[in-house]
């Protein structure tokens, strides 16, 4: 899965334009670094793509992508941390592995890597979707409600441990629902925001807030400025 994630990420980098805004790049990498450090570190590659859609993704193999459009929706470091914590949560919980095993049960890893490396095809699009980056190729394969709930709670814990205010996760989803209007942000098209999600986050705040306070007391408050 790590090799598939790395291969897919490289193709995205080749086909998409990276943002040339050095300040925003530093900002996104600062938030992402704090989140990945909270999960034990590792060598994560983080890039900001010049794309107006409100989207972000994380891939096995330590890869994170953020669209510039997300910065208009996740307007504070805490809110951006909520998004990135959620995306990294999918990787930690091996959700892509489960989706791959369901969608491509009869194919070997080598066959899948070959399909990823080849020319555009329906199979390649489905592979991207199973990895959680279907929006990059115009194919949506939403995560299950169970996967979304798991990632929400993992992300909540990660952002709190990293020193970001976990209450911003609730504000983020409320903001995205409001800003969506008749056409919700692309991020919402694969991550449905609803009262159940906000309620679950609120119910778990009593676990996340002590982690946040502990991080602050330890001086682990990221200074990520845009």
Protein backbone atom coordinates (compact mmCIF):
# COMPACT_ATOMS: atom_id res chain seq x y z
CA UNK A 1 0.00 0.00 0.00
CA UNK A 2 2.85 2.39 0.74
CA UNK A 3 4.26 1.92 -2.75
CA UNK A 4 0.83 2.45 -4.27
CA UNK A 5 0.41 5.62 -2.25
CA UNK A 6 3.83 6.90 -3.32
CA UNK A 7 3.18 6.07 -6.99
CA UNK A 8 -0.21 7.77 -6.96
CA UNK A 9 1.18 10.84 -5.22
CA UNK A 10 3.97 11.20 -7.75
CA UNK A 11 1.45 11.10 -10.58
CA UNK A 12 -0.66 13.76 -8.89
CA UNK A 13 2.41 15.98 -8.52
CA UNK A 14 3.19 15.54 -12.22
CA UNK A 15 -0.33 16.38 -13.34
CA UNK A 16 -1.18 19.19 -10.91
CA UNK A 17 0.33 22.61 -10.31
CA UNK A 18 2.06 23.21 -7.00
CA UNK A 19 1.35 26.50 -5.28
CA UNK A 20 4.14 29.06 -5.57
CA UNK A 21 3.03 30.84 -2.39
CA UNK A 22 5.95 30.11 -0.07
CA UNK A 23 4.19 31.55 2.97
CA UNK A 24 1.15 29.30 2.55
CA UNK A 25 3.42 26.31 1.88
CA UNK A 26 5.25 26.90 5.17
CA UNK A 27 1.95 27.34 6.98
CA UNK A 28 0.46 24.08 5.69
CA UNK A 29 3.66 22.16 6.38
CA UNK A 30 3.81 23.58 9.91
CA UNK A 31 0.30 22.32 10.71
CA UNK A 32 0.88 18.97 8.98
CA UNK A 33 4.19 18.46 10.78
CA UNK A 34 2.57 19.02 14.17
CA UNK A 35 -0.13 16.45 13.34
CA UNK A 36 2.31 13.81 12.10
CA UNK A 37 4.61 14.41 15.09
CA UNK A 38 1.64 13.71 17.36
CA UNK A 39 1.26 10.28 15.77
CA UNK A 40 4.92 9.45 16.25
CA UNK A 41 6.60 11.39 13.48
CA UNK A 42 7.96 9.77 10.36
CA UNK A 43 9.03 11.24 7.05
CA UNK A 44 5.88 12.78 5.56
CA UNK A 45 5.91 14.69 2.28
CA UNK A 46 3.50 17.62 2.30
CA UNK A 47 2.59 19.73 -0.72
CA UNK A 48 0.19 22.57 -1.39
CA UNK A 49 -1.53 22.36 -4.78
CA UNK A 50 -2.84 25.39 -6.65
CA UNK A 51 -6.47 24.29 -6.81
CA UNK A 52 -9.51 26.32 -5.79
CA UNK A 53 -11.46 23.30 -4.55
CA UNK A 54 -11.70 22.79 -0.78
CA UNK A 55 -9.92 19.47 -0.55
CA UNK A 56 -7.09 17.60 1.16
CA UNK A 57 -5.89 14.01 1.21
CA UNK A 58 -3.37 11.72 2.87
CA UNK A 59 -1.93 8.54 1.37
CA UNK A 60 -0.13 5.47 2.68
CA UNK A 61 3.60 5.96 2.48
CA UNK A 62 3.56 9.32 4.24
CA UNK A 63 2.03 11.65 1.64
CA UNK A 64 -0.23 14.64 2.26
CA UNK A 65 -1.78 17.00 -0.26
CA UNK A 66 -3.71 20.19 0.43
CA UNK A 67 -5.56 22.34 -2.09
CA UNK A 68 -5.24 26.11 -1.77
CA UNK A 69 -9.04 26.32 -1.81
CA UNK A 70 -9.21 24.54 1.53
CA UNK A 71 -7.50 27.50 3.21
CA UNK A 72 -10.59 29.60 2.47
CA UNK A 73 -12.76 27.13 4.39
CA UNK A 74 -10.41 25.93 7.13
CA UNK A 75 -9.58 29.47 8.13
CA UNK A 76 -7.46 28.91 11.25
CA UNK A 77 -4.54 26.59 12.10
CA UNK A 78 -6.84 24.66 14.44
CA UNK A 79 -9.43 24.12 11.69
CA UNK A 80 -6.79 23.07 9.17
CA UNK A 81 -5.43 20.66 11.80
CA UNK A 82 -8.92 19.14 12.09
CA UNK A 83 -8.97 18.40 8.34
CA UNK A 84 -5.43 17.02 8.22
CA UNK A 85 -5.97 14.98 11.37
CA UNK A 86 -9.04 13.44 9.77
CA UNK A 87 -7.20 12.61 6.54
CA UNK A 88 -4.20 11.13 8.36
CA UNK A 89 -6.72 9.18 10.46
CA UNK A 90 -7.81 7.28 7.34
CA UNK A 91 -4.18 6.23 6.80
CA UNK A 92 -3.61 5.23 10.42
CA UNK A 93 -6.77 3.10 10.40
CA UNK A 94 -5.77 1.43 7.09
CA UNK A 95 -9.07 2.34 5.46
CA UNK A 96 -7.53 2.29 1.97
CA UNK A 97 -6.35 -1.27 2.59
CA UNK A 98 -9.90 -2.36 3.36
CA UNK A 99 -11.29 -0.62 0.30
CA UNK A 100 -8.61 -2.13 -1.94
CA UNK A 101 -9.31 -5.63 -0.66
CA UNK A 102 -13.00 -5.17 -1.47
CA UNK A 103 -12.64 -3.49 -4.88
CA UNK A 104 -9.71 -5.57 -6.17
CA UNK A 105 -9.99 -8.88 -4.32
CA UNK A 106 -8.84 -10.97 -7.31
CA UNK A 107 -5.77 -8.93 -8.29
CA UNK A 108 -2.22 -9.00 -6.94
CA UNK A 109 -0.30 -6.00 -5.67
CA UNK A 110 1.94 -6.15 -8.72
CA UNK A 111 -1.04 -6.00 -11.07
CA UNK A 112 -2.44 -3.00 -9.22
CA UNK A 113 0.89 -1.16 -9.30
CA UNK A 114 1.10 -1.82 -13.04
CA UNK A 115 -2.38 -0.37 -13.51
CA UNK A 116 -1.44 2.69 -11.46
CA UNK A 117 1.68 3.29 -13.54
CA UNK A 118 -0.07 2.84 -16.88
CA UNK A 119 -2.17 5.07 -19.07
CA UNK A 120 -5.47 6.53 -17.81
CA UNK A 121 -8.15 3.87 -17.57
CA UNK A 122 -11.34 3.11 -15.62
CA UNK A 123 -9.34 0.70 -13.44
CA UNK A 124 -6.78 3.37 -12.67
CA UNK A 125 -9.53 5.83 -11.77
CA UNK A 126 -11.07 3.28 -9.41
CA UNK A 127 -7.66 2.66 -7.83
CA UNK A 128 -7.29 6.36 -7.12
CA UNK A 129 -10.78 6.40 -5.66
CA UNK A 130 -10.08 3.41 -3.42
CA UNK A 131 -6.97 5.17 -2.12
CA UNK A 132 -9.16 8.11 -1.16
CA UNK A 133 -8.09 10.49 -3.93
CA UNK A 134 -10.90 9.93 -6.41
CA UNK A 135 -11.56 13.66 -6.59
CA UNK A 136 -8.20 14.01 -8.36
CA UNK A 137 -9.47 11.98 -11.32
CA UNK A 138 -13.18 12.78 -11.19
CA UNK A 139 -14.34 9.53 -9.59
CA UNK A 140 -15.92 9.52 -6.15
CA UNK A 141 -15.85 6.53 -3.82
CA UNK A 142 -16.94 7.93 -0.45
CA UNK A 143 -15.62 6.36 2.70
CA UNK A 144 -18.19 4.45 4.74
CA UNK A 145 -19.93 6.01 7.71
CA UNK A 146 -17.85 3.74 9.98
CA UNK A 147 -14.60 4.86 8.36
CA UNK A 148 -15.60 8.51 8.60
CA UNK A 149 -16.46 8.20 12.29
CA UNK A 150 -13.19 6.43 13.03
CA UNK A 151 -11.18 9.08 11.21
CA UNK A 152 -13.04 11.90 12.91
CA UNK A 153 -12.14 10.56 16.34
CA UNK A 154 -8.54 9.74 15.41
CA UNK A 155 -8.16 13.23 13.98
CA UNK A 156 -9.70 14.77 17.10
CA UNK A 157 -7.15 13.00 19.29
CA UNK A 158 -4.22 13.85 17.00
CA UNK A 159 -5.00 17.55 16.81
CA UNK A 160 -5.46 17.75 20.59
CA UNK A 161 -2.16 15.96 21.25
CA UNK A 162 -0.47 18.30 18.79
CA UNK A 163 -1.67 21.34 20.72
CA UNK A 164 -4.53 22.43 18.46
CA UNK A 165 -7.90 23.26 20.03
CA UNK A 166 -10.13 20.23 19.27
CA UNK A 167 -13.26 22.38 19.55
CA UNK A 168 -12.28 23.87 16.20
CA UNK A 169 -13.29 20.57 14.56
CA UNK A 170 -16.94 21.29 15.31
CA UNK A 171 -16.59 24.88 14.10
CA UNK A 172 -14.96 23.64 10.90
CA UNK A 173 -17.83 21.35 9.94
CA UNK A 174 -20.36 24.05 10.79
CA UNK A 175 -18.46 26.57 8.66
CA UNK A 176 -18.22 24.20 5.70
CA UNK A 177 -21.93 23.47 5.84
CA UNK A 178 -22.71 27.21 5.89
CA UNK A 179 -20.27 28.11 3.13
CA UNK A 180 -21.47 25.28 0.94
CA UNK A 181 -24.79 26.83 0.06
CA UNK A 182 -26.49 25.02 -2.80
CA UNK A 183 -23.18 23.55 -3.95
CA UNK A 184 -21.13 22.27 -0.99
CA UNK A 185 -17.31 22.36 -1.10
CA UNK A 186 -15.70 19.38 -2.81
CA UNK A 187 -14.42 18.26 0.57
CA UNK A 188 -18.03 17.86 1.69
CA UNK A 189 -18.96 15.83 -1.38
CA UNK A 190 -16.89 12.92 -0.07
CA UNK A 191 -17.05 13.79 3.62
CA UNK A 192 -20.74 14.40 4.35
CA UNK A 193 -21.16 16.87 7.19
CA UNK A 194 -24.27 16.29 9.24
CA UNK A 195 -25.64 16.59 12.75
CA UNK A 196 -24.47 13.07 13.57
CA UNK A 197 -20.84 13.95 12.84
CA UNK A 198 -20.95 17.17 14.86
CA UNK A 199 -22.72 15.37 17.68
CA UNK A 200 -20.09 12.60 17.76
CA UNK A 201 -17.27 15.12 17.86
CA UNK A 202 -18.97 17.05 20.64
CA UNK A 203 -19.56 13.89 22.64
CA UNK A 204 -15.86 13.01 22.48
CA UNK A 205 -14.66 16.48 23.40
CA UNK A 206 -14.36 15.44 27.07
CA UNK A 207 -11.60 13.04 26.00
CA UNK A 208 -9.85 15.44 23.64
CA UNK A 209 -9.78 18.58 25.78
CA UNK A 210 -7.56 17.07 28.53
CA UNK A 211 -5.05 16.06 25.82
CA UNK A 212 -5.13 19.61 24.47
CA UNK A 213 -4.60 21.13 27.92
CA UNK A 214 -1.73 18.73 28.60
CA UNK A 215 -0.08 19.71 25.33
CA UNK A 216 -0.41 23.40 26.16
CA UNK A 217 1.01 22.89 29.64
CA UNK A 218 3.96 21.08 28.09
CA UNK A 219 4.56 23.98 25.73
CA UNK A 220 3.51 21.95 22.69
CA UNK A 221 1.48 24.69 21.05
CA UNK A 222 2.38 24.96 17.35
CA UNK A 223 3.14 28.46 16.14
CA UNK A 224 1.77 28.11 12.62
CA UNK A 225 1.05 31.51 11.11
CA UNK A 226 -0.31 32.18 7.66
